[in-house]
Amino acid sequence: MNVTIMDGCTACGACEAINSEVFYVDTIAHVNQDAVERYEQDCIDAALICPVNAIWIDEL
C-alpha cells in the first residue's frame, strides 16, 4: 500500500489523530511510509475521514 497526501490538504490533523506514527502535520500532512504496512486499516480510516479527501491510497 502506498499513501500520498494530495494538494488541497488543509492540515486539519484528522489523520494524525487517527495514527501519529503514520501521519504527522505541520503546514500540511506527511506520511511515514515505513509505518504504512503495519497500520493499513488506520490509513484507510484516515482517507475516509479526511474532510478534503486529500489522502490517496494505491494498492500495490
N, C-alpha and C. Protein backbone atom coordinates (compact mmCIF):
# COMPACT_ATOMS: atom_id res chain seq x y z
N MET A 1 0.85 -1.17 0.00
CA MET A 1 0.00 0.00 0.00
C MET A 1 0.89 1.23 0.00
N ASN A 2 0.53 2.20 -0.83
CA ASN A 2 1.24 3.47 -0.88
C ASN A 2 0.25 4.57 -0.52
N VAL A 3 0.62 5.44 0.41
CA VAL A 3 -0.26 6.51 0.86
C VAL A 3 0.39 7.84 0.49
N THR A 4 -0.41 8.71 -0.14
CA THR A 4 0.08 10.01 -0.59
C THR A 4 -0.86 11.10 -0.11
N ILE A 5 -0.29 12.22 0.31
CA ILE A 5 -1.07 13.40 0.64
C ILE A 5 -1.15 14.27 -0.61
N MET A 6 -2.34 14.55 -1.05
CA MET A 6 -2.56 15.30 -2.28
C MET A 6 -2.65 16.80 -2.00
N ASP A 7 -2.52 17.59 -3.08
CA ASP A 7 -2.74 19.03 -2.97
C ASP A 7 -4.13 19.25 -2.40
N GLY A 8 -4.27 20.26 -1.62
CA GLY A 8 -5.57 20.56 -1.02
C GLY A 8 -5.62 20.22 0.46
N CYS A 9 -4.58 19.56 0.97
CA CYS A 9 -4.52 19.25 2.40
C CYS A 9 -4.60 20.56 3.19
N THR A 10 -5.48 20.60 4.17
CA THR A 10 -5.65 21.79 5.00
C THR A 10 -4.96 21.68 6.35
N ALA A 11 -4.24 20.60 6.57
CA ALA A 11 -3.51 20.37 7.83
C ALA A 11 -4.45 20.40 9.04
N CYS A 12 -5.62 19.82 8.89
CA CYS A 12 -6.60 19.83 9.98
C CYS A 12 -6.20 18.90 11.13
N GLY A 13 -5.37 17.89 10.84
CA GLY A 13 -4.90 16.98 11.87
C GLY A 13 -5.76 15.75 12.09
N ALA A 14 -6.80 15.56 11.30
CA ALA A 14 -7.66 14.39 11.49
C ALA A 14 -6.88 13.09 11.28
N CYS A 15 -6.03 13.06 10.27
CA CYS A 15 -5.25 11.85 10.01
C CYS A 15 -4.26 11.57 11.14
N GLU A 16 -3.62 12.61 11.62
CA GLU A 16 -2.66 12.46 12.72
C GLU A 16 -3.36 11.97 13.99
N ALA A 17 -4.59 12.40 14.20
CA ALA A 17 -5.36 11.95 15.36
C ALA A 17 -5.66 10.46 15.27
N ILE A 18 -5.80 9.93 14.07
CA ILE A 18 -6.05 8.50 13.89
C ILE A 18 -4.79 7.70 14.17
N ASN A 19 -3.65 8.15 13.64
CA ASN A 19 -2.40 7.42 13.89
C ASN A 19 -1.21 8.35 13.66
N SER A 20 -0.62 8.80 14.75
CA SER A 20 0.51 9.73 14.65
C SER A 20 1.82 9.04 14.28
N GLU A 21 1.82 7.71 14.23
CA GLU A 21 3.02 7.02 13.74
C GLU A 21 3.07 7.01 12.22
N VAL A 22 1.92 7.12 11.58
CA VAL A 22 1.86 7.15 10.12
C VAL A 22 1.82 8.59 9.62
N PHE A 23 0.99 9.42 10.23
CA PHE A 23 0.77 10.78 9.75
C PHE A 23 1.32 11.79 10.74
N TYR A 24 1.94 12.85 10.23
CA TYR A 24 2.29 13.99 11.06
C TYR A 24 1.99 15.25 10.28
N VAL A 25 1.61 16.29 11.00
CA VAL A 25 1.12 17.51 10.36
C VAL A 25 1.95 18.70 10.82
N ASP A 26 2.39 19.50 9.86
CA ASP A 26 2.90 20.84 10.15
C ASP A 26 2.07 21.79 9.29
N THR A 27 2.58 22.30 8.21
CA THR A 27 1.75 23.14 7.34
C THR A 27 0.88 22.29 6.42
N ILE A 28 1.26 21.04 6.22
CA ILE A 28 0.46 20.02 5.53
C ILE A 28 0.71 18.70 6.23
N ALA A 29 -0.04 17.69 5.87
CA ALA A 29 0.18 16.36 6.43
C ALA A 29 1.31 15.66 5.67
N HIS A 30 2.01 14.80 6.38
CA HIS A 30 3.09 14.00 5.80
C HIS A 30 2.85 12.55 6.19
N VAL A 31 3.41 11.64 5.41
CA VAL A 31 3.24 10.20 5.64
C VAL A 31 4.58 9.56 5.92
N ASN A 32 4.64 8.76 6.97
CA ASN A 32 5.79 7.92 7.26
C ASN A 32 5.54 6.59 6.55
N GLN A 33 6.06 6.44 5.34
CA GLN A 33 5.80 5.24 4.54
C GLN A 33 6.27 3.97 5.23
N ASP A 34 7.28 4.07 6.09
CA ASP A 34 7.78 2.89 6.79
C ASP A 34 6.74 2.30 7.74
N ALA A 35 5.78 3.11 8.18
CA ALA A 35 4.77 2.64 9.13
C ALA A 35 3.47 2.20 8.45
N VAL A 36 3.32 2.49 7.17
CA VAL A 36 2.06 2.23 6.48
C VAL A 36 1.67 0.75 6.53
N GLU A 37 2.59 -0.14 6.26
CA GLU A 37 2.27 -1.57 6.21
C GLU A 37 1.72 -2.07 7.54
N ARG A 38 2.25 -1.57 8.65
CA ARG A 38 1.78 -2.01 9.97
C ARG A 38 0.40 -1.48 10.32
N TYR A 39 0.02 -0.37 9.69
CA TYR A 39 -1.22 0.31 10.06
C TYR A 39 -2.11 0.57 8.85
N GLU A 40 -2.28 -0.43 8.01
CA GLU A 40 -3.06 -0.24 6.79
C GLU A 40 -4.50 0.19 7.07
N GLN A 41 -5.14 -0.41 8.05
CA GLN A 41 -6.53 -0.03 8.34
C GLN A 41 -6.62 1.41 8.82
N ASP A 42 -5.66 1.86 9.61
CA ASP A 42 -5.66 3.26 10.03
C ASP A 42 -5.49 4.19 8.84
N CYS A 43 -4.71 3.80 7.86
CA CYS A 43 -4.55 4.61 6.65
C CYS A 43 -5.87 4.72 5.89
N ILE A 44 -6.57 3.62 5.79
CA ILE A 44 -7.87 3.62 5.13
C ILE A 44 -8.85 4.50 5.90
N ASP A 45 -8.87 4.35 7.22
CA ASP A 45 -9.76 5.16 8.05
C ASP A 45 -9.45 6.65 7.90
N ALA A 46 -8.16 6.99 7.87
CA ALA A 46 -7.76 8.39 7.71
C ALA A 46 -8.22 8.94 6.37
N ALA A 47 -8.08 8.14 5.32
CA ALA A 47 -8.53 8.59 4.00
C ALA A 47 -10.04 8.82 3.99
N LEU A 48 -10.78 7.96 4.67
CA LEU A 48 -12.23 8.11 4.70
C LEU A 48 -12.68 9.31 5.51
N ILE A 49 -11.94 9.66 6.56
CA ILE A 49 -12.34 10.75 7.43
C ILE A 49 -11.81 12.11 6.97
N CYS A 50 -10.83 12.14 6.09
CA CYS A 50 -10.23 13.40 5.63
C CYS A 50 -11.33 14.31 5.05
N PRO A 51 -11.50 15.51 5.61
CA PRO A 51 -12.60 16.37 5.17
C PRO A 51 -12.44 16.93 3.76
N VAL A 52 -11.22 16.90 3.22
CA VAL A 52 -10.99 17.42 1.86
C VAL A 52 -10.52 16.33 0.91
N ASN A 53 -10.62 15.07 1.33
CA ASN A 53 -10.23 13.92 0.50
C ASN A 53 -8.82 14.07 -0.06
N ALA A 54 -7.88 14.46 0.80
CA ALA A 54 -6.51 14.70 0.37
C ALA A 54 -5.59 13.50 0.56
N ILE A 55 -6.11 12.38 1.03
CA ILE A 55 -5.29 11.19 1.23
C ILE A 55 -5.61 10.19 0.13
N TRP A 56 -4.60 9.85 -0.65
CA TRP A 56 -4.74 8.92 -1.78
C TRP A 56 -4.05 7.61 -1.41
N ILE A 57 -4.74 6.50 -1.61
CA ILE A 57 -4.18 5.19 -1.31
C ILE A 57 -4.11 4.38 -2.59
N ASP A 58 -2.92 3.86 -2.88
CA ASP A 58 -2.71 2.95 -4.00
C ASP A 58 -2.40 1.58 -3.44
N GLU A 59 -3.11 0.59 -3.90
CA GLU A 59 -2.78 -0.79 -3.55
C GLU A 59 -1.69 -1.25 -4.50
N LEU A 60 -0.62 -1.76 -3.98
CA LEU A 60 0.49 -2.23 -4.82
C LEU A 60 0.43 -3.72 -4.99
